[in-house]
Amino acid sequence: MKNNIKESVVTFCLVLFAVLLLNPFHFWMPDAVLMGVLLCALVIFGIFAIFILREQVLDERDNLHRRLAGRNAFLAGAGILMLGIVVQGYSHNVDPWLVAALVGMVVVKVVSRVWSDKNL
């Protein structure tokens, strides 16, 4: 239970800093504050990644729930990236980072699946 509260707080902080980075008009965030927010977002993402990497499976049901959450997160991330590519494609200016992120997600998914099928 204690770990779930920590994960929730870290997730909330990560979302908060991500939203702070969306300041599109730059009316309240000077460059020094922006660099601080970027650093905080990076550190909090690292902490979030540690929680993900240290997850422990307790039983088959827990394993199923974690797999379902991972699959849903992958599909949501890939869907959002694909939507961004389509929207930017209409203006004929697709950001290469969107394409690189989508390709990276798909390649890592396939490679990790092949590796786990061979080794586990």
PDB file of N, CA and C in Angstrom:
ATOM      1  N   MET A   1       0.826  -1.196   0.000  1.00  0.00           N
ATOM      2  CA  MET A   1       0.000   0.000   0.000  1.00  0.00           C
ATOM      3  C   MET A   1       0.865   1.253   0.000  1.00  0.00           C
ATOM      4  N   LYS A   2       1.924   1.227   0.801  1.00  0.00           N
ATOM      5  CA  LYS A   2       2.792   2.390   0.892  1.00  0.00           C
ATOM      6  C   LYS A   2       3.434   2.695  -0.454  1.00  0.00           C
ATOM      7  N   ASN A   3       3.798   1.639  -1.211  1.00  0.00           N
ATOM      8  CA  ASN A   3       4.411   1.827  -2.516  1.00  0.00           C
ATOM      9  C   ASN A   3       3.428   2.437  -3.511  1.00  0.00           C
ATOM     10  N   ASN A   4       2.140   2.061  -3.418  1.00  0.00           N
ATOM     11  CA  ASN A   4       1.138   2.630  -4.313  1.00  0.00           C
ATOM     12  C   ASN A   4       0.980   4.123  -4.086  1.00  0.00           C
ATOM     13  N   ILE A   5       1.061   4.568  -2.848  1.00  0.00           N
ATOM     14  CA  ILE A   5       0.961   5.998  -2.551  1.00  0.00           C
ATOM     15  C   ILE A   5       2.164   6.731  -3.139  1.00  0.00           C
ATOM     16  N   LYS A   6       3.354   6.158  -2.981  1.00  0.00           N
ATOM     17  CA  LYS A   6       4.556   6.777  -3.556  1.00  0.00           C
ATOM     18  C   LYS A   6       4.445   6.859  -5.067  1.00  0.00           C
ATOM     19  N   GLU A   7       4.009   5.778  -5.701  1.00  0.00           N
ATOM     20  CA  GLU A   7       3.853   5.777  -7.151  1.00  0.00           C
ATOM     21  C   GLU A   7       2.828   6.820  -7.586  1.00  0.00           C
ATOM     22  N   SER A   8       1.744   6.955  -6.851  1.00  0.00           N
ATOM     23  CA  SER A   8       0.719   7.942  -7.194  1.00  0.00           C
ATOM     24  C   SER A   8       1.254   9.361  -7.081  1.00  0.00           C
ATOM     25  N   VAL A   9       2.021   9.636  -6.032  1.00  0.00           N
ATOM     26  CA  VAL A   9       2.593  10.977  -5.851  1.00  0.00           C
ATOM     27  C   VAL A   9       3.587  11.273  -6.964  1.00  0.00           C
ATOM     28  N   VAL A  10       4.443  10.309  -7.293  1.00  0.00           N
ATOM     29  CA  VAL A  10       5.426  10.514  -8.362  1.00  0.00           C
ATOM     30  C   VAL A  10       4.718  10.702  -9.702  1.00  0.00           C
ATOM     31  N   THR A  11       3.681   9.920  -9.965  1.00  0.00           N
ATOM     32  CA  THR A  11       2.924  10.068 -11.206  1.00  0.00           C
ATOM     33  C   THR A  11       2.264  11.440 -11.282  1.00  0.00           C
ATOM     34  N   PHE A  12       1.658  11.886 -10.181  1.00  0.00           N
ATOM     35  CA  PHE A  12       1.040  13.210 -10.158  1.00  0.00           C
ATOM     36  C   PHE A  12       2.075  14.298 -10.431  1.00  0.00           C
ATOM     37  N   CYS A  13       3.243  14.193  -9.792  1.00  0.00           N
ATOM     38  CA  CYS A  13       4.300  15.195 -10.005  1.00  0.00           C
ATOM     39  C   CYS A  13       4.783  15.187 -11.446  1.00  0.00           C
ATOM     40  N   LEU A  14       4.923  14.007 -12.036  1.00  0.00           N
ATOM     41  CA  LEU A  14       5.362  13.919 -13.423  1.00  0.00           C
ATOM     42  C   LEU A  14       4.349  14.571 -14.353  1.00  0.00           C
ATOM     43  N   VAL A  15       3.077  14.302 -14.142  1.00  0.00           N
ATOM     44  CA  VAL A  15       2.035  14.922 -14.966  1.00  0.00           C
ATOM     45  C   VAL A  15       2.023  16.430 -14.751  1.00  0.00           C
ATOM     46  N   LEU A  16       2.189  16.883 -13.521  1.00  0.00           N
ATOM     47  CA  LEU A  16       2.212  18.315 -13.225  1.00  0.00           C
ATOM     48  C   LEU A  16       3.349  19.015 -13.966  1.00  0.00           C
ATOM     49  N   PHE A  17       4.551  18.452 -13.894  1.00  0.00           N
ATOM     50  CA  PHE A  17       5.675  19.077 -14.576  1.00  0.00           C
ATOM     51  C   PHE A  17       5.527  19.005 -16.089  1.00  0.00           C
ATOM     52  N   ALA A  18       4.934  17.929 -16.607  1.00  0.00           N
ATOM     53  CA  ALA A  18       4.693  17.836 -18.045  1.00  0.00           C
ATOM     54  C   ALA A  18       3.713  18.917 -18.497  1.00  0.00           C
ATOM     55  N   VAL A  19       2.682  19.166 -17.705  1.00  0.00           N
ATOM     56  CA  VAL A  19       1.722  20.217 -18.041  1.00  0.00           C
ATOM     57  C   VAL A  19       2.391  21.590 -17.950  1.00  0.00           C
ATOM     58  N   LEU A  20       3.247  21.784 -16.955  1.00  0.00           N
ATOM     59  CA  LEU A  20       3.973  23.054 -16.855  1.00  0.00           C
ATOM     60  C   LEU A  20       4.833  23.308 -18.087  1.00  0.00           C
ATOM     61  N   LEU A  21       5.355  22.252 -18.674  1.00  0.00           N
ATOM     62  CA  LEU A  21       6.190  22.410 -19.864  1.00  0.00           C
ATOM     63  C   LEU A  21       5.389  22.779 -21.104  1.00  0.00           C
ATOM     64  N   LEU A  22       4.073  22.688 -21.044  1.00  0.00           N
ATOM     65  CA  LEU A  22       3.222  23.011 -22.193  1.00  0.00           C
ATOM     66  C   LEU A  22       2.923  24.499 -22.332  1.00  0.00           C
ATOM     67  N   ASN A  23       3.584  25.339 -21.620  1.00  0.00           N
ATOM     68  CA  ASN A  23       3.345  26.784 -21.672  1.00  0.00           C
ATOM     69  C   ASN A  23       3.603  27.293 -23.094  1.00  0.00           C
ATOM     70  N   PRO A  24       2.571  27.356 -23.936  1.00  0.00           N
ATOM     71  CA  PRO A  24       2.811  27.662 -25.350  1.00  0.00           C
ATOM     72  C   PRO A  24       3.106  29.130 -25.634  1.00  0.00           C
ATOM     73  N   PHE A  25       2.663  30.028 -24.794  1.00  0.00           N
ATOM     74  CA  PHE A  25       2.850  31.450 -25.070  1.00  0.00           C
ATOM     75  C   PHE A  25       4.055  32.047 -24.360  1.00  0.00           C
ATOM     76  N   HIS A  26       4.718  31.266 -23.531  1.00  0.00           N
ATOM     77  CA  HIS A  26       5.924  31.686 -22.802  1.00  0.00           C
ATOM     78  C   HIS A  26       5.703  32.996 -22.050  1.00  0.00           C
ATOM     79  N   PHE A  27       4.525  33.173 -21.487  1.00  0.00           N
ATOM     80  CA  PHE A  27       4.249  34.433 -20.806  1.00  0.00           C
ATOM     81  C   PHE A  27       4.618  34.401 -19.334  1.00  0.00           C
ATOM     82  N   TRP A  28       4.867  33.242 -18.760  1.00  0.00           N
ATOM     83  CA  TRP A  28       5.205  33.234 -17.337  1.00  0.00           C
ATOM     84  C   TRP A  28       6.452  32.433 -17.020  1.00  0.00           C
ATOM     85  N   MET A  29       7.069  31.812 -18.005  1.00  0.00           N
ATOM     86  CA  MET A  29       8.195  30.952 -17.698  1.00  0.00           C
ATOM     87  C   MET A  29       9.463  31.453 -18.401  1.00  0.00           C
ATOM     88  N   PRO A  30      10.338  32.174 -17.679  1.00  0.00           N
ATOM     89  CA  PRO A  30      11.615  32.557 -18.284  1.00  0.00           C
ATOM     90  C   PRO A  30      12.503  31.332 -18.478  1.00  0.00           C
ATOM     91  N   ASP A  31      13.592  31.501 -19.228  1.00  0.00           N
ATOM     92  CA  ASP A  31      14.443  30.365 -19.577  1.00  0.00           C
ATOM     93  C   ASP A  31      15.001  29.632 -18.359  1.00  0.00           C
ATOM     94  N   ALA A  32      15.374  30.355 -17.310  1.00  0.00           N
ATOM     95  CA  ALA A  32      15.933  29.701 -16.119  1.00  0.00           C
ATOM     96  C   ALA A  32      14.893  28.799 -15.446  1.00  0.00           C
ATOM     97  N   VAL A  33      13.656  29.272 -15.373  1.00  0.00           N
ATOM     98  CA  VAL A  33      12.594  28.463 -14.772  1.00  0.00           C
ATOM     99  C   VAL A  33      12.297  27.256 -15.665  1.00  0.00           C
ATOM    100  N   LEU A  34      12.293  27.470 -16.974  1.00  0.00           N
ATOM    101  CA  LEU A  34      12.059  26.374 -17.904  1.00  0.00           C
ATOM    102  C   LEU A  34      13.115  25.282 -17.726  1.00  0.00           C
ATOM    103  N   MET A  35      14.378  25.663 -17.586  1.00  0.00           N
ATOM    104  CA  MET A  35      15.439  24.679 -17.382  1.00  0.00           C
ATOM    105  C   MET A  35      15.250  23.931 -16.056  1.00  0.00           C
ATOM    106  N   GLY A  36      14.808  24.639 -15.037  1.00  0.00           N
ATOM    107  CA  GLY A  36      14.529  23.990 -13.751  1.00  0.00           C
ATOM    108  C   GLY A  36      13.385  23.003 -13.844  1.00  0.00           C
ATOM    109  N   VAL A  37      12.327  23.387 -14.538  1.00  0.00           N
ATOM    110  CA  VAL A  37      11.174  22.495 -14.713  1.00  0.00           C
ATOM    111  C   VAL A  37      11.575  21.276 -15.540  1.00  0.00           C
ATOM    112  N   LEU A  38      12.394  21.488 -16.581  1.00  0.00           N
ATOM    113  CA  LEU A  38      12.878  20.359 -17.379  1.00  0.00           C
ATOM    114  C   LEU A  38      13.695  19.393 -16.525  1.00  0.00           C
ATOM    115  N   LEU A  39      14.561  19.931 -15.685  1.00  0.00           N
ATOM    116  CA  LEU A  39      15.371  19.092 -14.810  1.00  0.00           C
ATOM    117  C   LEU A  39      14.496  18.307 -13.832  1.00  0.00           C
ATOM    118  N   CYS A  40      13.527  18.994 -13.231  1.00  0.00           N
ATOM    119  CA  CYS A  40      12.617  18.314 -12.298  1.00  0.00           C
ATOM    120  C   CYS A  40      11.817  17.223 -13.013  1.00  0.00           C
ATOM    121  N   ALA A  41      11.339  17.509 -14.221  1.00  0.00           N
ATOM    122  CA  ALA A  41      10.578  16.515 -14.975  1.00  0.00           C
ATOM    123  C   ALA A  41      11.452  15.306 -15.296  1.00  0.00           C
ATOM    124  N   LEU A  42      12.707  15.547 -15.644  1.00  0.00           N
ATOM    125  CA  LEU A  42      13.625  14.451 -15.941  1.00  0.00           C
ATOM    126  C   LEU A  42      13.898  13.596 -14.709  1.00  0.00           C
ATOM    127  N   VAL A  43      14.129  14.232 -13.571  1.00  0.00           N
ATOM    128  CA  VAL A  43      14.389  13.499 -12.331  1.00  0.00           C
ATOM    129  C   VAL A  43      13.160  12.695 -11.911  1.00  0.00           C
ATOM    130  N   ILE A  44      11.991  13.302 -11.993  1.00  0.00           N
ATOM    131  CA  ILE A  44      10.765  12.607 -11.593  1.00  0.00           C
ATOM    132  C   ILE A  44      10.470  11.455 -12.550  1.00  0.00           C
ATOM    133  N   PHE A  45      10.755  11.636 -13.835  1.00  0.00           N
ATOM    134  CA  PHE A  45      10.586  10.524 -14.773  1.00  0.00           C
ATOM    135  C   PHE A  45      11.540   9.386 -14.426  1.00  0.00           C
ATOM    136  N   GLY A  46      12.749   9.701 -14.037  1.00  0.00           N
ATOM    137  CA  GLY A  46      13.695   8.666 -13.607  1.00  0.00           C
ATOM    138  C   GLY A  46      13.185   7.894 -12.410  1.00  0.00           C
ATOM    139  N   ILE A  47      12.619   8.602 -11.443  1.00  0.00           N
ATOM    140  CA  ILE A  47      12.041   7.938 -10.266  1.00  0.00           C
ATOM    141  C   ILE A  47      10.862   7.055 -10.680  1.00  0.00           C
ATOM    142  N   PHE A  48      10.026   7.562 -11.582  1.00  0.00           N
ATOM    143  CA  PHE A  48       8.895   6.779 -12.088  1.00  0.00           C
ATOM    144  C   PHE A  48       9.395   5.514 -12.789  1.00  0.00           C
ATOM    145  N   ALA A  49      10.451   5.638 -13.587  1.00  0.00           N
ATOM    146  CA  ALA A  49      11.008   4.486 -14.285  1.00  0.00           C
ATOM    147  C   ALA A  49      11.548   3.454 -13.293  1.00  0.00           C
ATOM    148  N   ILE A  50      12.128   3.920 -12.192  1.00  0.00           N
ATOM    149  CA  ILE A  50      12.616   2.994 -11.167  1.00  0.00           C
ATOM    150  C   ILE A  50      11.458   2.198 -10.575  1.00  0.00           C
ATOM    151  N   PHE A  51      10.332   2.857 -10.324  1.00  0.00           N
ATOM    152  CA  PHE A  51       9.158   2.139  -9.816  1.00  0.00           C
ATOM    153  C   PHE A  51       8.714   1.068 -10.813  1.00  0.00           C
ATOM    154  N   ILE A  52       8.714   1.408 -12.093  1.00  0.00           N
ATOM    155  CA  ILE A  52       8.291   0.456 -13.111  1.00  0.00           C
ATOM    156  C   ILE A  52       9.260  -0.731 -13.166  1.00  0.00           C
ATOM    157  N   LEU A  53      10.557  -0.446 -13.125  1.00  0.00           N
ATOM    158  CA  LEU A  53      11.555  -1.514 -13.220  1.00  0.00           C
ATOM    159  C   LEU A  53      11.585  -2.410 -11.990  1.00  0.00           C
ATOM    160  N   ARG A  54      11.192  -1.898 -10.834  1.00  0.00           N
ATOM    161  CA  ARG A  54      11.256  -2.679  -9.600  1.00  0.00           C
ATOM    162  C   ARG A  54       9.939  -3.372  -9.258  1.00  0.00           C
ATOM    163  N   GLU A  55       8.976  -3.330 -10.170  1.00  0.00           N
ATOM    164  CA  GLU A  55       7.706  -4.006  -9.911  1.00  0.00           C
ATOM    165  C   GLU A  55       7.933  -5.493  -9.692  1.00  0.00           C
ATOM    166  N   GLN A  56       7.220  -6.040  -8.742  1.00  0.00           N
ATOM    167  CA  GLN A  56       7.326  -7.463  -8.438  1.00  0.00           C
ATOM    168  C   GLN A  56       5.964  -8.113  -8.660  1.00  0.00           C
ATOM    169  N   VAL A  57       5.967  -9.237  -9.346  1.00  0.00           N
ATOM    170  CA  VAL A  57       4.742  -9.974  -9.610  1.00  0.00           C
ATOM    171  C   VAL A  57       4.455 -10.866  -8.410  1.00  0.00           C
ATOM    172  N   LEU A  58       3.248 -10.768  -7.876  1.00  0.00           N
ATOM    173  CA  LEU A  58       2.881 -11.543  -6.702  1.00  0.00           C
ATOM    174  C   LEU A  58       2.220 -12.867  -7.063  1.00  0.00           C
ATOM    175  N   ASP A  59       1.336 -12.862  -8.077  1.00  0.00           N
ATOM    176  CA  ASP A  59       0.658 -14.078  -8.500  1.00  0.00           C
ATOM    177  C   ASP A  59       0.243 -13.930  -9.962  1.00  0.00           C
ATOM    178  N   GLU A  60      -0.479 -14.930 -10.487  1.00  0.00           N
ATOM    179  CA  GLU A  60      -0.873 -14.914 -11.895  1.00  0.00           C
ATOM    180  C   GLU A  60      -1.814 -13.755 -12.210  1.00  0.00           C
ATOM    181  N   ARG A  61      -2.700 -13.457 -11.300  1.00  0.00           N
ATOM    182  CA  ARG A  61      -3.646 -12.354 -11.517  1.00  0.00           C
ATOM    183  C   ARG A  61      -2.905 -11.023 -11.582  1.00  0.00           C
ATOM    184  N   ASP A  62      -1.950 -10.838 -10.692  1.00  0.00           N
ATOM    185  CA  ASP A  62      -1.148  -9.620 -10.698  1.00  0.00           C
ATOM    186  C   ASP A  62      -0.350  -9.511 -11.991  1.00  0.00           C
ATOM    187  N   ASN A  63       0.184 -10.632 -12.461  1.00  0.00           N
ATOM    188  CA  ASN A  63       0.926 -10.653 -13.722  1.00  0.00           C
ATOM    189  C   ASN A  63       0.012 -10.249 -14.881  1.00  0.00           C
ATOM    190  N   LEU A  64      -1.199 -10.759 -14.893  1.00  0.00           N
ATOM    191  CA  LEU A  64      -2.154 -10.420 -15.936  1.00  0.00           C
ATOM    192  C   LEU A  64      -2.491  -8.935 -15.907  1.00  0.00           C
ATOM    193  N   HIS A  65      -2.710  -8.381 -14.717  1.00  0.00           N
ATOM    194  CA  HIS A  65      -3.028  -6.955 -14.600  1.00  0.00           C
ATOM    195  C   HIS A  65      -1.872  -6.078 -15.085  1.00  0.00           C
ATOM    196  N   ARG A  66      -0.652  -6.455 -14.752  1.00  0.00           N
ATOM    197  CA  ARG A  66       0.517  -5.683 -15.195  1.00  0.00           C
ATOM    198  C   ARG A  66       0.690  -5.755 -16.707  1.00  0.00           C
ATOM    199  N   ARG A  67       0.460  -6.933 -17.279  1.00  0.00           N
ATOM    200  CA  ARG A  67       0.549  -7.070 -18.735  1.00  0.00           C
ATOM    201  C   ARG A  67      -0.526  -6.242 -19.424  1.00  0.00           C
ATOM    202  N   LEU A  68      -1.725  -6.254 -18.888  1.00  0.00           N
ATOM    203  CA  LEU A  68      -2.815  -5.474 -19.467  1.00  0.00           C
ATOM    204  C   LEU A  68      -2.517  -3.983 -19.374  1.00  0.00           C
ATOM    205  N   ALA A  69      -2.001  -3.550 -18.233  1.00  0.00           N
ATOM    206  CA  ALA A  69      -1.643  -2.136 -18.082  1.00  0.00           C
ATOM    207  C   ALA A  69      -0.534  -1.746 -19.058  1.00  0.00           C
ATOM    208  N   GLY A  70       0.456  -2.622 -19.236  1.00  0.00           N
ATOM    209  CA  GLY A  70       1.533  -2.352 -20.178  1.00  0.00           C
ATOM    210  C   GLY A  70       1.033  -2.286 -21.609  1.00  0.00           C
ATOM    211  N   ARG A  71       0.150  -3.207 -21.967  1.00  0.00           N
ATOM    212  CA  ARG A  71      -0.409  -3.205 -23.324  1.00  0.00           C
ATOM    213  C   ARG A  71      -1.237  -1.950 -23.568  1.00  0.00           C
ATOM    214  N   ASN A  72      -2.063  -1.573 -22.595  1.00  0.00           N
ATOM    215  CA  ASN A  72      -2.884  -0.368 -22.754  1.00  0.00           C
ATOM    216  C   ASN A  72      -2.019   0.884 -22.844  1.00  0.00           C
ATOM    217  N   ALA A  73      -0.962   0.949 -22.031  1.00  0.00           N
ATOM    218  CA  ALA A  73      -0.067   2.101 -22.076  1.00  0.00           C
ATOM    219  C   ALA A  73       0.643   2.175 -23.422  1.00  0.00           C
ATOM    220  N   PHE A  74       1.089   1.040 -23.939  1.00  0.00           N
ATOM    221  CA  PHE A  74       1.748   1.026 -25.245  1.00  0.00           C
ATOM    222  C   PHE A  74       0.799   1.506 -26.329  1.00  0.00           C
ATOM    223  N   LEU A  75      -0.422   0.975 -26.341  1.00  0.00           N
ATOM    224  CA  LEU A  75      -1.385   1.374 -27.367  1.00  0.00           C
ATOM    225  C   LEU A  75      -1.768   2.846 -27.251  1.00  0.00           C
ATOM    226  N   ALA A  76      -1.895   3.346 -26.021  1.00  0.00           N
ATOM    227  CA  ALA A  76      -2.210   4.762 -25.841  1.00  0.00           C
ATOM    228  C   ALA A  76      -1.062   5.631 -26.346  1.00  0.00           C
ATOM    229  N   GLY A  77       0.159   5.287 -25.972  1.00  0.00           N
ATOM    230  CA  GLY A  77       1.318   6.066 -26.428  1.00  0.00           C
ATOM    231  C   GLY A  77       1.470   6.034 -27.932  1.00  0.00           C
ATOM    232  N   ALA A  78       1.354   4.843 -28.519  1.00  0.00           N
ATOM    233  CA  ALA A  78       1.479   4.716 -29.972  1.00  0.00           C
ATOM    234  C   ALA A  78       0.332   5.442 -30.681  1.00  0.00           C
ATOM    235  N   GLY A  79      -0.866   5.360 -30.127  1.00  0.00           N
ATOM    236  CA  GLY A  79      -2.007   6.054 -30.729  1.00  0.00           C
ATOM    237  C   GLY A  79      -1.855   7.567 -30.690  1.00  0.00           C
ATOM    238  N   ILE A  80      -1.367   8.091 -29.582  1.00  0.00           N
ATOM    239  CA  ILE A  80      -1.158   9.535 -29.470  1.00  0.00           C
ATOM    240  C   ILE A  80      -0.069   9.987 -30.427  1.00  0.00           C
ATOM    241  N   LEU A  81       1.021   9.222 -30.519  1.00  0.00           N
ATOM    242  CA  LEU A  81       2.079   9.569 -31.474  1.00  0.00           C
ATOM    243  C   LEU A  81       1.560   9.515 -32.906  1.00  0.00           C
ATOM    244  N   MET A  82       0.778   8.481 -33.234  1.00  0.00           N
ATOM    245  CA  MET A  82       0.229   8.377 -34.582  1.00  0.00           C
ATOM    246  C   MET A  82      -0.717   9.529 -34.883  1.00  0.00           C
ATOM    247  N   LEU A  83      -1.525   9.928 -33.899  1.00  0.00           N
ATOM    248  CA  LEU A  83      -2.412  11.075 -34.075  1.00  0.00           C
ATOM    249  C   LEU A  83      -1.599  12.346 -34.328  1.00  0.00           C
ATOM    250  N   GLY A  84      -0.503  12.521 -33.576  1.00  0.00           N
ATOM    251  CA  GLY A  84       0.366  13.670 -33.800  1.00  0.00           C
ATOM    252  C   GLY A  84       0.975  13.667 -35.185  1.00  0.00           C
ATOM    253  N   ILE A  85       1.371  12.495 -35.663  1.00  0.00           N
ATOM    254  CA  ILE A  85       1.943  12.392 -37.009  1.00  0.00           C
ATOM    255  C   ILE A  85       0.900  12.738 -38.065  1.00  0.00           C
ATOM    256  N   VAL A  86      -0.325  12.245 -37.891  1.00  0.00           N
ATOM    257  CA  VAL A  86      -1.393  12.530 -38.853  1.00  0.00           C
ATOM    258  C   VAL A  86      -1.739  14.014 -38.857  1.00  0.00           C
ATOM    259  N   VAL A  87      -1.894  14.603 -37.671  1.00  0.00           N
ATOM    260  CA  VAL A  87      -2.237  16.030 -37.586  1.00  0.00           C
ATOM    261  C   VAL A  87      -1.142  16.880 -38.214  1.00  0.00           C
ATOM    262  N   GLN A  88       0.117  16.576 -37.898  1.00  0.00           N
ATOM    263  CA  GLN A  88       1.204  17.344 -38.495  1.00  0.00           C
ATOM    264  C   GLN A  88       1.371  17.037 -39.978  1.00  0.00           C
ATOM    265  N   GLY A  89       0.966  15.846 -40.400  1.00  0.00           N
ATOM    266  CA  GLY A  89       1.032  15.496 -41.813  1.00  0.00           C
ATOM    267  C   GLY A  89       0.120  16.361 -42.659  1.00  0.00           C
ATOM    268  N   TYR A  90      -1.001  16.790 -42.097  1.00  0.00           N
ATOM    269  CA  TYR A  90      -1.899  17.679 -42.835  1.00  0.00           C
ATOM    270  C   TYR A  90      -1.257  19.025 -43.135  1.00  0.00           C
ATOM    271  N   SER A  91      -0.329  19.462 -42.290  1.00  0.00           N
ATOM    272  CA  SER A  91       0.372  20.730 -42.547  1.00  0.00           C
ATOM    273  C   SER A  91       1.698  20.494 -43.269  1.00  0.00           C
ATOM    274  N   HIS A  92       1.957  19.249 -43.667  1.00  0.00           N
ATOM    275  CA  HIS A  92       3.175  18.862 -44.389  1.00  0.00           C
ATOM    276  C   HIS A  92       4.436  19.209 -43.612  1.00  0.00           C
ATOM    277  N   ASN A  93       4.377  19.053 -42.290  1.00  0.00           N
ATOM    278  CA  ASN A  93       5.521  19.360 -41.444  1.00  0.00           C
ATOM    279  C   ASN A  93       5.543  18.367 -40.280  1.00  0.00           C
ATOM    280  N   VAL A  94       5.904  17.117 -40.562  1.00  0.00           N
ATOM    281  CA  VAL A  94       5.913  16.076 -39.533  1.00  0.00           C
ATOM    282  C   VAL A  94       7.209  16.173 -38.737  1.00  0.00           C
ATOM    283  N   ASP A  95       7.063  16.269 -37.424  1.00  0.00           N
ATOM    284  CA  ASP A  95       8.216  16.340 -36.529  1.00  0.00           C
ATOM    285  C   ASP A  95       8.916  14.981 -36.500  1.00  0.00           C
ATOM    286  N   PRO A  96      10.216  14.945 -36.815  1.00  0.00           N
ATOM    287  CA  PRO A  96      10.916  13.655 -36.826  1.00  0.00           C
ATOM    288  C   PRO A  96      10.946  12.971 -35.463  1.00  0.00           C
ATOM    289  N   TRP A  97      10.818  13.730 -34.383  1.00  0.00           N
ATOM    290  CA  TRP A  97      10.826  13.117 -33.045  1.00  0.00           C
ATOM    291  C   TRP A  97       9.591  12.256 -32.832  1.00  0.00           C
ATOM    292  N   LEU A  98       8.462  12.651 -33.406  1.00  0.00           N
ATOM    293  CA  LEU A  98       7.254  11.826 -33.283  1.00  0.00           C
ATOM    294  C   LEU A  98       7.449  10.481 -33.983  1.00  0.00           C
ATOM    295  N   VAL A  99       8.005  10.540 -35.187  1.00  0.00           N
ATOM    296  CA  VAL A  99       8.239   9.313 -35.945  1.00  0.00           C
ATOM    297  C   VAL A  99       9.275   8.446 -35.234  1.00  0.00           C
ATOM    298  N   ALA A 100      10.356   9.053 -34.741  1.00  0.00           N
ATOM    299  CA  ALA A 100      11.405   8.303 -34.048  1.00  0.00           C
ATOM    300  C   ALA A 100      10.853   7.638 -32.781  1.00  0.00           C
ATOM    301  N   ALA A 101      10.010   8.346 -32.047  1.00  0.00           N
ATOM    302  CA  ALA A 101       9.433   7.776 -30.829  1.00  0.00           C
ATOM    303  C   ALA A 101       8.518   6.602 -31.164  1.00  0.00           C
ATOM    304  N   LEU A 102       7.694   6.743 -32.188  1.00  0.00           N
ATOM    305  CA  LEU A 102       6.792   5.657 -32.581  1.00  0.00           C
ATOM    306  C   LEU A 102       7.582   4.444 -33.065  1.00  0.00           C
ATOM    307  N   VAL A 103       8.566   4.665 -33.921  1.00  0.00           N
ATOM    308  CA  VAL A 103       9.389   3.559 -34.415  1.00  0.00           C
ATOM    309  C   VAL A 103      10.137   2.900 -33.256  1.00  0.00           C
ATOM    310  N   GLY A 104      10.678   3.704 -32.346  1.00  0.00           N
ATOM    311  CA  GLY A 104      11.379   3.157 -31.188  1.00  0.00           C
ATOM    312  C   GLY A 104      10.475   2.293 -30.335  1.00  0.00           C
ATOM    313  N   MET A 105       9.263   2.751 -30.087  1.00  0.00           N
ATOM    314  CA  MET A 105       8.317   1.969 -29.290  1.00  0.00           C
ATOM    315  C   MET A 105       8.003   0.633 -29.954  1.00  0.00           C
ATOM    316  N   VAL A 106       7.740   0.670 -31.248  1.00  0.00           N
ATOM    317  CA  VAL A 106       7.366  -0.552 -31.964  1.00  0.00           C
ATOM    318  C   VAL A 106       8.541  -1.525 -32.025  1.00  0.00           C
ATOM    319  N   VAL A 107       9.744  -1.017 -32.320  1.00  0.00           N
ATOM    320  CA  VAL A 107      10.910  -1.896 -32.420  1.00  0.00           C
ATOM    321  C   VAL A 107      11.225  -2.527 -31.068  1.00  0.00           C
ATOM    322  N   VAL A 108      11.206  -1.742 -30.000  1.00  0.00           N
ATOM    323  CA  VAL A 108      11.490  -2.293 -28.667  1.00  0.00           C
ATOM    324  C   VAL A 108      10.426  -3.308 -28.277  1.00  0.00           C
ATOM    325  N   LYS A 109       9.188  -3.051 -28.600  1.00  0.00           N
ATOM    326  CA  LYS A 109       8.107  -4.004 -28.296  1.00  0.00           C
ATOM    327  C   LYS A 109       8.353  -5.335 -28.994  1.00  0.00           C
ATOM    328  N   VAL A 110       8.668  -5.291 -30.285  1.00  0.00           N
ATOM    329  CA  VAL A 110       8.873  -6.521 -31.046  1.00  0.00           C
ATOM    330  C   VAL A 110      10.127  -7.249 -30.582  1.00  0.00           C
ATOM    331  N   VAL A 111      11.228  -6.522 -30.389  1.00  0.00           N
ATOM    332  CA  VAL A 111      12.484  -7.144 -29.967  1.00  0.00           C
ATOM    333  C   VAL A 111      12.339  -7.763 -28.580  1.00  0.00           C
ATOM    334  N   SER A 112      11.698  -7.053 -27.660  1.00  0.00           N
ATOM    335  CA  SER A 112      11.535  -7.616 -26.313  1.00  0.00           C
ATOM    336  C   SER A 112      10.602  -8.826 -26.333  1.00  0.00           C
ATOM    337  N   ARG A 113       9.624  -8.812 -27.201  1.00  0.00           N
ATOM    338  CA  ARG A 113       8.727  -9.976 -27.314  1.00  0.00           C
ATOM    339  C   ARG A 113       9.463 -11.180 -27.861  1.00  0.00           C
ATOM    340  N   VAL A 114      10.275 -10.965 -28.909  1.00  0.00           N
ATOM    341  CA  VAL A 114      11.051 -12.072 -29.474  1.00  0.00           C
ATOM    342  C   VAL A 114      12.042 -12.599 -28.449  1.00  0.00           C
ATOM    343  N   TRP A 115      12.725 -11.701 -27.738  1.00  0.00           N
ATOM    344  CA  TRP A 115      13.698 -12.112 -26.735  1.00  0.00           C
ATOM    345  C   TRP A 115      13.024 -12.917 -25.608  1.00  0.00           C
ATOM    346  N   SER A 116      11.880 -12.432 -25.135  1.00  0.00           N
ATOM    347  CA  SER A 116      11.215 -13.134 -24.037  1.00  0.00           C
ATOM    348  C   SER A 116      10.669 -14.485 -24.491  1.00  0.00           C
ATOM    349  N   ASP A 117      10.238 -14.591 -25.743  1.00  0.00           N
ATOM    350  CA  ASP A 117       9.770 -15.884 -26.247  1.00  0.00           C
ATOM    351  C   ASP A 117      10.917 -16.893 -26.323  1.00  0.00           C
ATOM    352  N   LYS A 118      12.114 -16.420 -26.660  1.00  0.00           N
ATOM    353  CA  LYS A 118      13.280 -17.309 -26.754  1.00  0.00           C
ATOM    354  C   LYS A 118      13.841 -17.686 -25.393  1.00  0.00           C
ATOM    355  N   ASN A 119      13.906 -16.738 -24.472  1.00  0.00           N
ATOM    356  CA  ASN A 119      14.658 -16.917 -23.235  1.00  0.00           C
ATOM    357  C   ASN A 119      13.826 -17.202 -21.998  1.00  0.00           C
ATOM    358  N   LEU A 120      12.548 -16.962 -22.030  1.00  0.00           N
ATOM    359  CA  LEU A 120      11.755 -17.167 -20.803  1.00  0.00           C
ATOM    360  C   LEU A 120      10.806 -18.323 -20.926  1.00  0.00           C
TER     361      LEU A 120
END
